[in-house]
Amino acid sequence: MSLADKLARVVTDTDADSEETYECKDCGESFPLDRQTCPNCGGCVIDRIDWDGVVCD
């Protein structure tokens, strides 16, 4: 499976959009998608909450 196929699966997966996967390390706000800055506090340290289930090939 190509990288483009993997990305397409992630983007079109509706279950992934409903879960909050990323968290601002400054204020604790969580988001369903990765962000560059937190809209709540303006912080720029946004990380995945949990790395379980992440597959790297």
N, C-alpha and C. Protein backbone atom coordinates (compact mmCIF):
# COMPACT_ATOMS: atom_id res chain seq x y z
N MET A 1 0.85 -1.17 0.00
CA MET A 1 0.00 0.00 0.00
C MET A 1 0.90 1.23 0.00
N SER A 2 0.62 2.15 -0.89
CA SER A 2 1.44 3.36 -1.01
C SER A 2 1.12 4.34 0.12
N LEU A 3 2.00 5.29 0.31
CA LEU A 3 1.79 6.33 1.32
C LEU A 3 0.52 7.11 1.03
N ALA A 4 0.28 7.41 -0.24
CA ALA A 4 -0.93 8.14 -0.61
C ALA A 4 -2.19 7.35 -0.24
N ASP A 5 -2.16 6.04 -0.42
CA ASP A 5 -3.31 5.20 -0.05
C ASP A 5 -3.53 5.22 1.45
N LYS A 6 -2.44 5.14 2.21
CA LYS A 6 -2.55 5.17 3.67
C LYS A 6 -3.13 6.49 4.15
N LEU A 7 -2.65 7.59 3.57
CA LEU A 7 -3.16 8.90 3.95
C LEU A 7 -4.64 9.05 3.58
N ALA A 8 -5.02 8.54 2.43
CA ALA A 8 -6.42 8.61 2.01
C ALA A 8 -7.31 7.84 2.98
N ARG A 9 -6.85 6.72 3.48
CA ARG A 9 -7.63 5.94 4.44
C ARG A 9 -7.81 6.71 5.73
N VAL A 10 -6.75 7.39 6.18
CA VAL A 10 -6.83 8.15 7.42
C VAL A 10 -7.78 9.34 7.25
N VAL A 11 -7.67 10.04 6.14
CA VAL A 11 -8.49 11.23 5.90
C VAL A 11 -9.96 10.87 5.76
N THR A 12 -10.27 9.77 5.13
CA THR A 12 -11.67 9.41 4.90
C THR A 12 -12.27 8.57 6.02
N ASP A 13 -11.49 8.20 7.02
CA ASP A 13 -11.98 7.39 8.13
C ASP A 13 -12.78 8.28 9.08
N THR A 14 -14.11 8.10 9.12
CA THR A 14 -14.96 8.95 9.95
C THR A 14 -14.78 8.67 11.43
N ASP A 15 -14.39 7.46 11.81
CA ASP A 15 -14.17 7.16 13.22
C ASP A 15 -12.99 7.94 13.76
N ALA A 16 -11.97 8.16 12.96
CA ALA A 16 -10.79 8.90 13.41
C ALA A 16 -11.16 10.35 13.71
N ASP A 17 -12.14 10.91 12.99
CA ASP A 17 -12.53 12.29 13.21
C ASP A 17 -13.31 12.47 14.51
N SER A 18 -13.96 11.43 15.00
CA SER A 18 -14.79 11.57 16.18
C SER A 18 -14.00 11.44 17.48
N GLU A 19 -12.80 10.93 17.43
CA GLU A 19 -12.00 10.76 18.63
C GLU A 19 -11.00 11.90 18.75
N GLU A 20 -10.78 12.33 19.98
CA GLU A 20 -9.78 13.35 20.22
C GLU A 20 -8.45 12.66 20.42
N THR A 21 -7.54 12.86 19.49
CA THR A 21 -6.29 12.12 19.45
C THR A 21 -5.08 12.97 19.85
N TYR A 22 -5.19 14.28 19.72
CA TYR A 22 -4.08 15.19 20.00
C TYR A 22 -4.41 16.09 21.17
N GLU A 23 -3.36 16.50 21.92
CA GLU A 23 -3.57 17.30 23.11
C GLU A 23 -2.52 18.41 23.21
N CYS A 24 -2.96 19.59 23.61
CA CYS A 24 -2.05 20.70 23.87
C CYS A 24 -1.37 20.42 25.20
N LYS A 25 -0.05 20.41 25.21
CA LYS A 25 0.69 20.12 26.43
C LYS A 25 0.71 21.31 27.38
N ASP A 26 0.33 22.50 26.89
CA ASP A 26 0.31 23.68 27.75
C ASP A 26 -0.99 23.78 28.56
N CYS A 27 -2.14 23.59 27.91
CA CYS A 27 -3.42 23.78 28.62
C CYS A 27 -4.25 22.50 28.76
N GLY A 28 -3.89 21.43 28.03
CA GLY A 28 -4.63 20.18 28.14
C GLY A 28 -5.81 20.05 27.20
N GLU A 29 -6.09 21.06 26.39
CA GLU A 29 -7.19 20.99 25.40
C GLU A 29 -6.89 19.85 24.42
N SER A 30 -7.92 19.08 24.04
CA SER A 30 -7.70 17.98 23.10
C SER A 30 -8.46 18.21 21.81
N PHE A 31 -7.93 17.62 20.72
CA PHE A 31 -8.44 17.86 19.37
C PHE A 31 -8.48 16.55 18.60
N PRO A 32 -9.38 16.44 17.59
CA PRO A 32 -9.42 15.26 16.76
C PRO A 32 -8.32 15.25 15.69
N LEU A 33 -7.80 16.42 15.32
CA LEU A 33 -6.77 16.53 14.28
C LEU A 33 -5.55 17.24 14.83
N ASP A 34 -4.39 16.95 14.23
CA ASP A 34 -3.15 17.61 14.63
C ASP A 34 -3.23 19.10 14.26
N ARG A 35 -2.71 19.95 15.11
CA ARG A 35 -2.71 21.39 14.89
C ARG A 35 -1.31 21.94 15.11
N GLN A 36 -1.04 23.09 14.52
CA GLN A 36 0.24 23.76 14.74
C GLN A 36 0.23 24.56 16.04
N THR A 37 -0.90 25.19 16.33
CA THR A 37 -1.05 25.96 17.56
C THR A 37 -2.41 25.66 18.18
N CYS A 38 -2.49 25.83 19.47
CA CYS A 38 -3.74 25.59 20.19
C CYS A 38 -4.64 26.81 20.09
N PRO A 39 -5.89 26.64 19.63
CA PRO A 39 -6.79 27.78 19.54
C PRO A 39 -7.26 28.26 20.91
N ASN A 40 -7.07 27.44 21.93
CA ASN A 40 -7.49 27.79 23.28
C ASN A 40 -6.48 28.70 23.98
N CYS A 41 -5.17 28.33 23.94
CA CYS A 41 -4.17 29.10 24.67
C CYS A 41 -3.05 29.66 23.79
N GLY A 42 -3.00 29.23 22.52
CA GLY A 42 -1.94 29.70 21.63
C GLY A 42 -0.65 28.91 21.75
N GLY A 43 -0.66 27.87 22.57
CA GLY A 43 0.53 27.03 22.74
C GLY A 43 0.89 26.31 21.45
N CYS A 44 2.16 25.94 21.34
CA CYS A 44 2.59 25.30 20.09
C CYS A 44 3.12 23.88 20.31
N VAL A 45 2.85 23.29 21.47
CA VAL A 45 3.27 21.91 21.72
C VAL A 45 2.02 21.04 21.72
N ILE A 46 1.73 20.46 20.55
CA ILE A 46 0.57 19.58 20.37
C ILE A 46 1.10 18.19 20.06
N ASP A 47 0.77 17.19 20.89
CA ASP A 47 1.24 15.82 20.70
C ASP A 47 0.08 14.85 20.71
N ARG A 48 0.35 13.65 20.17
CA ARG A 48 -0.65 12.58 20.24
C ARG A 48 -0.87 12.20 21.70
N ILE A 49 -2.11 11.93 22.05
CA ILE A 49 -2.44 11.51 23.42
C ILE A 49 -1.95 10.09 23.63
N ASP A 50 -2.17 9.21 22.66
CA ASP A 50 -1.84 7.79 22.79
C ASP A 50 -1.27 7.29 21.48
N TRP A 51 -0.15 6.60 21.53
CA TRP A 51 0.49 6.08 20.32
C TRP A 51 0.07 4.65 20.01
N ASP A 52 -0.79 4.03 20.83
CA ASP A 52 -1.27 2.66 20.56
C ASP A 52 -2.06 2.65 19.26
N GLY A 53 -1.84 1.68 18.46
CA GLY A 53 -2.56 1.54 17.20
C GLY A 53 -1.94 2.27 16.04
N VAL A 54 -0.88 3.03 16.28
CA VAL A 54 -0.20 3.73 15.19
C VAL A 54 0.74 2.73 14.53
N VAL A 55 0.60 2.56 13.22
CA VAL A 55 1.39 1.60 12.48
C VAL A 55 2.39 2.34 11.61
N CYS A 56 3.64 2.01 11.76
CA CYS A 56 4.68 2.60 10.94
C CYS A 56 5.33 1.49 10.11
N ASP A 57 5.27 1.64 8.81
CA ASP A 57 5.87 0.64 7.92
C ASP A 57 7.16 1.16 7.34
